[in-house]
Amino acid sequence: MRLNQSSDFSLRILMYLGQSDTPQTVEMVSEHLGLARSHVMKIVAKLGRLGLVETSRGRGGGIRLGKRAEDILIGDVVREMEPDQAVVDCLKAGPTVCAYLPRCALKPAMKEAADAFLDSLNQHTLASLLAGTQAARAQNREKVKA
């Protein structure tokens, strides 16, 4: 299963925020992770709607984790950030054209595999990832663009 960029960036943003006790700005996150400011803003907004981060404006404001790192399951983050978790076409929402439907053993096998992937990720919390990860260093390369 391949994750989209927003899942990858979301996990990196959560890790960065989890490494700091103080609120971070979009600019700080963007600079340290080498991500475009517009990507960071979009992802932080979604993470905020999910309750994974809190944002506040003004002096002393910024972005911080909305939950304890121990309570953030990695598989749940990926599940929320991935708009389409269909490993094969027949798992996509809506009508599907397939010569083997309605009775095909591939569809449930692939669904089981996708669920196992996310269940495996849920064995890890943000805290457990942070325990084995070095502090983020500012990236000198050109920011990632989608």
N, C-alpha and C. Protein backbone atom coordinates (compact mmCIF):
# COMPACT_ATOMS: atom_id res chain seq x y z
N MET A 1 0.86 -1.18 0.00
CA MET A 1 0.00 0.00 0.00
C MET A 1 0.89 1.23 0.00
N ARG A 2 0.60 2.15 -0.87
CA ARG A 2 1.37 3.38 -0.96
C ARG A 2 0.57 4.53 -0.36
N LEU A 3 1.20 5.29 0.52
CA LEU A 3 0.53 6.42 1.15
C LEU A 3 0.65 7.66 0.28
N ASN A 4 -0.37 8.50 0.34
CA ASN A 4 -0.28 9.74 -0.40
C ASN A 4 0.57 10.74 0.38
N GLN A 5 0.94 11.85 -0.25
CA GLN A 5 1.81 12.83 0.38
C GLN A 5 1.21 13.42 1.65
N SER A 6 -0.10 13.61 1.67
CA SER A 6 -0.68 14.23 2.85
C SER A 6 -0.54 13.33 4.08
N SER A 7 -0.59 12.02 3.91
CA SER A 7 -0.36 11.12 5.04
C SER A 7 1.08 11.21 5.52
N ASP A 8 2.00 11.17 4.58
CA ASP A 8 3.42 11.28 4.90
C ASP A 8 3.70 12.60 5.61
N PHE A 9 3.24 13.71 5.04
CA PHE A 9 3.49 15.02 5.63
C PHE A 9 2.80 15.14 6.99
N SER A 10 1.61 14.59 7.13
CA SER A 10 0.89 14.65 8.41
C SER A 10 1.68 13.97 9.51
N LEU A 11 2.22 12.81 9.21
CA LEU A 11 2.99 12.09 10.22
C LEU A 11 4.26 12.86 10.59
N ARG A 12 4.91 13.44 9.60
CA ARG A 12 6.11 14.23 9.89
C ARG A 12 5.78 15.48 10.71
N ILE A 13 4.67 16.12 10.39
CA ILE A 13 4.26 17.31 11.14
C ILE A 13 3.95 16.93 12.58
N LEU A 14 3.21 15.85 12.79
CA LEU A 14 2.91 15.41 14.15
C LEU A 14 4.18 15.07 14.92
N MET A 15 5.13 14.42 14.26
CA MET A 15 6.40 14.10 14.91
C MET A 15 7.14 15.38 15.31
N TYR A 16 7.16 16.35 14.42
CA TYR A 16 7.84 17.61 14.72
C TYR A 16 7.18 18.31 15.91
N LEU A 17 5.86 18.36 15.89
CA LEU A 17 5.16 19.01 17.00
C LEU A 17 5.36 18.24 18.30
N GLY A 18 5.44 16.92 18.21
CA GLY A 18 5.66 16.10 19.40
C GLY A 18 7.04 16.25 20.00
N GLN A 19 7.98 16.81 19.25
CA GLN A 19 9.33 17.02 19.75
C GLN A 19 9.50 18.37 20.44
N SER A 20 8.44 19.15 20.52
CA SER A 20 8.54 20.48 21.11
C SER A 20 7.50 20.69 22.20
N ASP A 21 7.90 21.35 23.24
CA ASP A 21 6.96 21.70 24.31
C ASP A 21 6.30 23.05 24.07
N THR A 22 6.80 23.79 23.09
CA THR A 22 6.26 25.11 22.81
C THR A 22 5.51 25.10 21.47
N PRO A 23 4.53 25.98 21.33
CA PRO A 23 3.80 26.06 20.05
C PRO A 23 4.75 26.42 18.91
N GLN A 24 4.49 25.85 17.76
CA GLN A 24 5.30 26.08 16.57
C GLN A 24 4.48 26.85 15.54
N THR A 25 5.15 27.62 14.71
CA THR A 25 4.45 28.35 13.64
C THR A 25 4.49 27.52 12.36
N VAL A 26 3.63 27.87 11.44
CA VAL A 26 3.62 27.22 10.13
C VAL A 26 4.99 27.40 9.47
N GLU A 27 5.57 28.57 9.62
CA GLU A 27 6.87 28.84 9.03
C GLU A 27 7.95 27.93 9.62
N MET A 28 7.92 27.73 10.94
CA MET A 28 8.90 26.86 11.59
C MET A 28 8.77 25.43 11.10
N VAL A 29 7.54 24.95 11.03
CA VAL A 29 7.29 23.58 10.57
C VAL A 29 7.75 23.44 9.12
N SER A 30 7.38 24.40 8.30
CA SER A 30 7.74 24.38 6.88
C SER A 30 9.25 24.35 6.70
N GLU A 31 9.94 25.20 7.42
CA GLU A 31 11.40 25.29 7.31
C GLU A 31 12.08 24.02 7.79
N HIS A 32 11.70 23.54 8.95
CA HIS A 32 12.36 22.37 9.51
C HIS A 32 12.11 21.10 8.69
N LEU A 33 10.93 20.96 8.15
CA LEU A 33 10.60 19.74 7.42
C LEU A 33 10.82 19.85 5.92
N GLY A 34 11.14 21.05 5.45
CA GLY A 34 11.37 21.23 4.02
C GLY A 34 10.10 21.09 3.20
N LEU A 35 8.97 21.48 3.79
CA LEU A 35 7.67 21.38 3.11
C LEU A 35 7.18 22.77 2.73
N ALA A 36 6.43 22.85 1.66
CA ALA A 36 5.85 24.12 1.24
C ALA A 36 4.87 24.61 2.30
N ARG A 37 4.91 25.90 2.56
CA ARG A 37 4.04 26.52 3.56
C ARG A 37 2.57 26.19 3.29
N SER A 38 2.18 26.22 2.01
CA SER A 38 0.78 25.95 1.66
C SER A 38 0.38 24.52 2.04
N HIS A 39 1.29 23.55 1.88
CA HIS A 39 1.01 22.17 2.28
C HIS A 39 0.83 22.08 3.79
N VAL A 40 1.73 22.73 4.50
CA VAL A 40 1.67 22.69 5.97
C VAL A 40 0.35 23.29 6.45
N MET A 41 -0.04 24.42 5.89
CA MET A 41 -1.29 25.06 6.31
C MET A 41 -2.49 24.15 6.06
N LYS A 42 -2.54 23.54 4.90
CA LYS A 42 -3.66 22.66 4.54
C LYS A 42 -3.71 21.44 5.46
N ILE A 43 -2.57 20.83 5.71
CA ILE A 43 -2.53 19.63 6.54
C ILE A 43 -2.82 19.96 8.00
N VAL A 44 -2.28 21.06 8.49
CA VAL A 44 -2.55 21.47 9.87
C VAL A 44 -4.05 21.73 10.05
N ALA A 45 -4.69 22.33 9.06
CA ALA A 45 -6.13 22.57 9.15
C ALA A 45 -6.89 21.25 9.29
N LYS A 46 -6.52 20.26 8.50
CA LYS A 46 -7.20 18.96 8.59
C LYS A 46 -6.89 18.27 9.91
N LEU A 47 -5.63 18.30 10.33
CA LEU A 47 -5.26 17.70 11.62
C LEU A 47 -6.02 18.39 12.76
N GLY A 48 -6.26 19.69 12.62
CA GLY A 48 -7.03 20.43 13.61
C GLY A 48 -8.48 19.96 13.65
N ARG A 49 -9.08 19.76 12.48
CA ARG A 49 -10.46 19.27 12.43
C ARG A 49 -10.58 17.89 13.06
N LEU A 50 -9.52 17.11 12.97
CA LEU A 50 -9.50 15.76 13.55
C LEU A 50 -9.16 15.77 15.05
N GLY A 51 -8.82 16.95 15.57
CA GLY A 51 -8.48 17.06 16.99
C GLY A 51 -7.06 16.62 17.31
N LEU A 52 -6.24 16.39 16.29
CA LEU A 52 -4.88 15.93 16.52
C LEU A 52 -3.92 17.08 16.83
N VAL A 53 -4.26 18.27 16.36
CA VAL A 53 -3.49 19.46 16.71
C VAL A 53 -4.43 20.57 17.15
N GLU A 54 -3.87 21.49 17.91
CA GLU A 54 -4.59 22.70 18.32
C GLU A 54 -3.83 23.89 17.74
N THR A 55 -4.57 24.88 17.31
CA THR A 55 -3.94 26.09 16.80
C THR A 55 -4.49 27.28 17.57
N SER A 56 -3.64 28.26 17.77
CA SER A 56 -4.09 29.50 18.42
C SER A 56 -3.36 30.66 17.77
N ARG A 57 -4.05 31.78 17.68
CA ARG A 57 -3.50 32.97 17.04
C ARG A 57 -2.90 33.89 18.08
N GLY A 58 -2.13 34.83 17.58
CA GLY A 58 -1.61 35.89 18.43
C GLY A 58 -0.31 35.55 19.12
N ARG A 59 0.10 36.48 19.96
CA ARG A 59 1.36 36.33 20.69
C ARG A 59 1.31 35.07 21.55
N GLY A 60 2.31 34.23 21.44
CA GLY A 60 2.33 32.98 22.20
C GLY A 60 1.50 31.88 21.56
N GLY A 61 0.91 32.18 20.40
CA GLY A 61 0.09 31.19 19.71
C GLY A 61 0.92 30.31 18.82
N GLY A 62 0.26 29.46 18.10
CA GLY A 62 0.94 28.58 17.18
C GLY A 62 0.23 27.24 17.11
N ILE A 63 0.98 26.22 16.74
CA ILE A 63 0.45 24.88 16.55
C ILE A 63 1.08 23.97 17.59
N ARG A 64 0.26 23.13 18.21
CA ARG A 64 0.76 22.13 19.16
C ARG A 64 -0.11 20.89 19.04
N LEU A 65 0.35 19.81 19.60
CA LEU A 65 -0.45 18.58 19.59
C LEU A 65 -1.77 18.82 20.32
N GLY A 66 -2.83 18.25 19.79
CA GLY A 66 -4.15 18.37 20.42
C GLY A 66 -4.45 17.21 21.35
N LYS A 67 -3.61 16.19 21.30
CA LYS A 67 -3.74 15.01 22.17
C LYS A 67 -2.36 14.65 22.67
N ARG A 68 -2.32 13.86 23.70
CA ARG A 68 -1.03 13.35 24.16
C ARG A 68 -0.46 12.43 23.08
N ALA A 69 0.83 12.46 22.90
CA ALA A 69 1.48 11.63 21.88
C ALA A 69 1.17 10.15 22.10
N GLU A 70 0.98 9.74 23.34
CA GLU A 70 0.67 8.35 23.68
C GLU A 70 -0.71 7.94 23.17
N ASP A 71 -1.57 8.93 22.92
CA ASP A 71 -2.94 8.65 22.51
C ASP A 71 -3.15 8.75 20.99
N ILE A 72 -2.11 9.07 20.26
CA ILE A 72 -2.23 9.20 18.81
C ILE A 72 -1.70 7.93 18.16
N LEU A 73 -2.62 7.15 17.60
CA LEU A 73 -2.26 5.90 16.92
C LEU A 73 -1.94 6.19 15.45
N ILE A 74 -0.81 5.70 14.99
CA ILE A 74 -0.33 5.99 13.64
C ILE A 74 -1.29 5.48 12.57
N GLY A 75 -1.83 4.28 12.76
CA GLY A 75 -2.77 3.73 11.78
C GLY A 75 -4.03 4.59 11.67
N ASP A 76 -4.49 5.13 12.79
CA ASP A 76 -5.67 5.99 12.77
C ASP A 76 -5.40 7.28 12.00
N VAL A 77 -4.19 7.83 12.16
CA VAL A 77 -3.83 9.04 11.41
C VAL A 77 -3.87 8.74 9.91
N VAL A 78 -3.25 7.65 9.51
CA VAL A 78 -3.22 7.28 8.09
C VAL A 78 -4.64 7.04 7.58
N ARG A 79 -5.45 6.34 8.35
CA ARG A 79 -6.84 6.05 7.96
C ARG A 79 -7.61 7.35 7.71
N GLU A 80 -7.38 8.35 8.54
CA GLU A 80 -8.09 9.64 8.40
C GLU A 80 -7.55 10.47 7.23
N MET A 81 -6.26 10.35 6.95
CA MET A 81 -5.65 11.20 5.93
C MET A 81 -5.76 10.62 4.52
N GLU A 82 -5.99 9.33 4.41
CA GLU A 82 -6.09 8.69 3.11
C GLU A 82 -7.53 8.75 2.60
N PRO A 83 -7.79 9.50 1.55
CA PRO A 83 -9.15 9.60 1.04
C PRO A 83 -9.64 8.29 0.40
N ASP A 84 -8.71 7.52 -0.14
CA ASP A 84 -9.07 6.29 -0.83
C ASP A 84 -8.10 5.20 -0.41
N GLN A 85 -8.59 4.26 0.37
CA GLN A 85 -7.73 3.18 0.86
C GLN A 85 -7.90 1.91 0.03
N ALA A 86 -8.49 2.04 -1.12
CA ALA A 86 -8.71 0.88 -1.98
C ALA A 86 -7.40 0.42 -2.60
N VAL A 87 -6.98 -0.77 -2.25
CA VAL A 87 -5.75 -1.33 -2.80
C VAL A 87 -5.98 -1.75 -4.25
N VAL A 88 -7.19 -2.19 -4.57
CA VAL A 88 -7.57 -2.58 -5.93
C VAL A 88 -8.87 -1.86 -6.27
N ASP A 89 -9.16 -1.76 -7.57
CA ASP A 89 -10.34 -1.02 -8.02
C ASP A 89 -11.65 -1.47 -7.39
N CYS A 90 -11.80 -2.77 -7.18
CA CYS A 90 -13.09 -3.26 -6.68
C CYS A 90 -13.35 -2.85 -5.23
N LEU A 91 -12.36 -2.29 -4.55
CA LEU A 91 -12.58 -1.79 -3.18
C LEU A 91 -12.96 -0.31 -3.16
N LYS A 92 -12.88 0.34 -4.30
CA LYS A 92 -13.24 1.75 -4.37
C LYS A 92 -14.74 1.92 -4.21
N ALA A 93 -15.11 3.08 -3.67
CA ALA A 93 -16.54 3.38 -3.50
C ALA A 93 -17.17 3.56 -4.88
N GLY A 94 -18.39 3.15 -5.01
CA GLY A 94 -19.10 3.32 -6.27
C GLY A 94 -19.08 2.06 -7.12
N PRO A 95 -19.73 2.15 -8.26
CA PRO A 95 -19.82 0.97 -9.14
C PRO A 95 -18.45 0.57 -9.69
N THR A 96 -18.27 -0.72 -9.84
CA THR A 96 -17.01 -1.27 -10.35
C THR A 96 -17.30 -2.25 -11.48
N VAL A 97 -16.49 -2.19 -12.49
CA VAL A 97 -16.60 -3.14 -13.60
C VAL A 97 -15.52 -4.19 -13.39
N CYS A 98 -15.96 -5.44 -13.23
CA CYS A 98 -15.02 -6.53 -13.04
C CYS A 98 -15.67 -7.83 -13.51
N ALA A 99 -14.95 -8.60 -14.28
CA ALA A 99 -15.47 -9.85 -14.83
C ALA A 99 -15.72 -10.90 -13.75
N TYR A 100 -15.16 -10.71 -12.57
CA TYR A 100 -15.29 -11.71 -11.51
C TYR A 100 -16.35 -11.38 -10.47
N LEU A 101 -16.94 -10.20 -10.55
CA LEU A 101 -17.98 -9.85 -9.58
C LEU A 101 -19.31 -10.42 -10.03
N PRO A 102 -20.17 -10.83 -9.15
CA PRO A 102 -20.19 -10.50 -7.72
C PRO A 102 -19.43 -11.49 -6.83
N ARG A 103 -18.90 -12.56 -7.38
CA ARG A 103 -18.24 -13.54 -6.52
C ARG A 103 -16.75 -13.62 -6.87
N CYS A 104 -15.95 -12.92 -6.06
CA CYS A 104 -14.51 -12.89 -6.30
C CYS A 104 -13.79 -12.92 -4.97
N ALA A 105 -12.83 -13.78 -4.82
CA ALA A 105 -12.08 -13.92 -3.58
C ALA A 105 -10.98 -12.87 -3.45
N LEU A 106 -10.66 -12.18 -4.53
CA LEU A 106 -9.62 -11.16 -4.48
C LEU A 106 -10.04 -9.98 -3.61
N LYS A 107 -11.28 -9.55 -3.77
CA LYS A 107 -11.76 -8.36 -3.05
C LYS A 107 -11.63 -8.52 -1.53
N PRO A 108 -12.15 -9.58 -0.90
CA PRO A 108 -11.99 -9.69 0.55
C PRO A 108 -10.53 -9.91 0.97
N ALA A 109 -9.74 -10.57 0.14
CA ALA A 109 -8.33 -10.77 0.48
C ALA A 109 -7.59 -9.43 0.52
N MET A 110 -7.85 -8.57 -0.45
CA MET A 110 -7.21 -7.26 -0.47
C MET A 110 -7.71 -6.36 0.66
N LYS A 111 -8.99 -6.44 0.97
CA LYS A 111 -9.54 -5.68 2.10
C LYS A 111 -8.86 -6.11 3.40
N GLU A 112 -8.71 -7.41 3.56
CA GLU A 112 -8.04 -7.95 4.75
C GLU A 112 -6.59 -7.45 4.84
N ALA A 113 -5.90 -7.42 3.71
CA ALA A 113 -4.52 -6.95 3.68
C ALA A 113 -4.42 -5.47 4.04
N ALA A 114 -5.32 -4.66 3.51
CA ALA A 114 -5.32 -3.23 3.80
C ALA A 114 -5.62 -2.99 5.28
N ASP A 115 -6.58 -3.73 5.83
CA ASP A 115 -6.90 -3.61 7.25
C ASP A 115 -5.71 -4.04 8.12
N ALA A 116 -5.02 -5.10 7.71
CA ALA A 116 -3.85 -5.59 8.46
C ALA A 116 -2.74 -4.54 8.47
N PHE A 117 -2.56 -3.85 7.35
CA PHE A 117 -1.57 -2.78 7.25
C PHE A 117 -1.85 -1.69 8.28
N LEU A 118 -3.09 -1.23 8.32
CA LEU A 118 -3.46 -0.17 9.25
C LEU A 118 -3.43 -0.67 10.70
N ASP A 119 -3.86 -1.90 10.92
CA ASP A 119 -3.78 -2.48 12.26
C ASP A 119 -2.34 -2.57 12.73
N SER A 120 -1.44 -2.91 11.83
CA SER A 120 -0.03 -2.98 12.17
C SER A 120 0.50 -1.60 12.56
N LEU A 121 0.11 -0.59 11.80
CA LEU A 121 0.52 0.78 12.14
C LEU A 121 -0.06 1.21 13.49
N ASN A 122 -1.23 0.70 13.84
CA ASN A 122 -1.84 1.07 15.11
C ASN A 122 -1.15 0.44 16.32
N GLN A 123 -0.17 -0.39 16.07
CA GLN A 123 0.65 -0.90 17.17
C GLN A 123 1.67 0.14 17.60
N HIS A 124 1.72 1.25 16.86
CA HIS A 124 2.67 2.32 17.15
C HIS A 124 1.89 3.60 17.48
N THR A 125 2.35 4.28 18.50
CA THR A 125 1.80 5.59 18.83
C THR A 125 2.80 6.65 18.39
N LEU A 126 2.35 7.88 18.38
CA LEU A 126 3.27 8.97 18.09
C LEU A 126 4.40 8.96 19.11
N ALA A 127 4.08 8.68 20.37
CA ALA A 127 5.11 8.64 21.42
C ALA A 127 6.16 7.57 21.14
N SER A 128 5.73 6.41 20.68
CA SER A 128 6.69 5.33 20.42
C SER A 128 7.59 5.68 19.24
N LEU A 129 7.07 6.40 18.26
CA LEU A 129 7.90 6.84 17.14
C LEU A 129 8.90 7.89 17.60
N LEU A 130 8.44 8.80 18.45
CA LEU A 130 9.31 9.87 18.92
C LEU A 130 10.46 9.33 19.76
N ALA A 131 10.20 8.24 20.48
CA ALA A 131 11.24 7.66 21.34
C ALA A 131 12.44 7.18 20.53
N GLY A 132 12.23 6.80 19.29
CA GLY A 132 13.31 6.28 18.47
C GLY A 132 13.73 7.21 17.35
N THR A 133 13.36 8.48 17.43
CA THR A 133 13.63 9.43 16.34
C THR A 133 14.46 10.59 16.83
N GLN A 134 15.47 10.97 16.05
CA GLN A 134 16.28 12.13 16.40
C GLN A 134 15.46 13.40 16.24
N ALA A 135 15.94 14.49 16.83
CA ALA A 135 15.28 15.79 16.68
C ALA A 135 15.35 16.23 15.23
N ALA A 136 14.28 16.85 14.76
CA ALA A 136 14.24 17.34 13.38
C ALA A 136 15.28 18.43 13.18
N ARG A 137 15.95 18.37 12.04
CA ARG A 137 16.92 19.40 11.66
C ARG A 137 16.33 20.20 10.52
N ALA A 138 16.59 21.48 10.50
CA ALA A 138 16.11 22.32 9.39
C ALA A 138 16.69 21.79 8.09
N GLN A 139 15.86 21.73 7.07
CA GLN A 139 16.25 21.22 5.77
C GLN A 139 16.80 22.36 4.92
N ASN A 140 17.92 22.11 4.28
CA ASN A 140 18.54 23.13 3.41
C ASN A 140 18.13 22.97 1.96
N ARG A 141 17.39 21.90 1.69
CA ARG A 141 17.01 21.65 0.30
C ARG A 141 15.75 22.45 -0.05
N GLU A 142 15.45 22.49 -1.34
CA GLU A 142 14.25 23.18 -1.81
C GLU A 142 13.03 22.49 -1.21
N LYS A 143 12.05 23.27 -0.81
CA LYS A 143 10.84 22.72 -0.20
C LYS A 143 10.13 21.77 -1.15
N VAL A 144 9.54 20.72 -0.58
CA VAL A 144 8.81 19.71 -1.35
C VAL A 144 7.58 20.37 -1.95
N LYS A 145 7.37 20.16 -3.24
CA LYS A 145 6.19 20.69 -3.93
C LYS A 145 5.40 19.55 -4.50
N ALA A 146 4.09 19.68 -4.46
CA ALA A 146 3.24 18.61 -5.00
C ALA A 146 2.81 18.95 -6.40
